[in-house]
Amino acid sequence: MIKAVIFDLDGLLINSEPIWKRVEIDVFSRHGMPVTEEDLMQSVGLRIDEVIMYWAQYFNVEVERDEIQAEVLSKMQEAIIKEGLANKMPGVDEVCAYLQDEQIPMAVASSSHLALIQTAVEVLGLKKYIRVIYSAEFESHGKPHPGVFLAAADYLRVDPLQCLVLEDSVNGMIAAKAARMACIVVPAKDEMDRPEWGLADGVIPSLEGLMELVENLEQ
């Protein structure tokens, strides 16, 4: 039986992946890492510090990680405040209202920094629904390590086996399954047919189709 739901943030609650790509391409290119949108698909779901070092190694350049990270996070904070509400994903309000009516507690557990998660939750108008906000920045490893989800479950005081994770990335799905949690993925349209989703407990094109799947999982 599902007793708690843990949401990812980027690409699930908010269509922020295009914003991340825009910011990363801009900032990284000025630090010797000329990534493309296609390149950045390889680092979706990782923490920003991990993304920076991944591409620094790829391009064989020495970088000031903390400086680049601060620049990216500052630009993302501005963008979320300005563009966040317009990029809320379909079905978010309906799902949160449904879970609240069912008295199922909710958390957001993301690879993004805590300040960004908090800003997004506030801008999207979800603060009234979300009991726990947790960031992988406080873990020794980001996704696909399960730590971020296990910590969120601990703060919710719910057994991981009774948690449902909603994700949109392969790394996030792997993290959820490694935490022994049920996982439903909501991929981008051009990723619906990825074979990796076979590991998930369900695949839906939008959060609007979630309620029926949750009811089936509880049976």
Foldseek 3Di string as FASTA:
>chain_A
DAQAEEEEPDPAFFVCLVVLQVLCCVLVVVVQQNDDSVRCLVVPQFAQLVVNVVRCVVRVHDDDSVVSVVSSVVSLLVCCLVCGQVGGFPPPVVVLVVCVVVVRAYEYFGQYDQVNVVSNCVSNVNPVRHDYYYHCVPPPGGFVALVRVVVRCVVVVHQLCNYEYEEAHLRVLNSSVVSVHAYEYQYAPVCQPPPSCVSHPYYDPGNNPVPVVVVVVVD
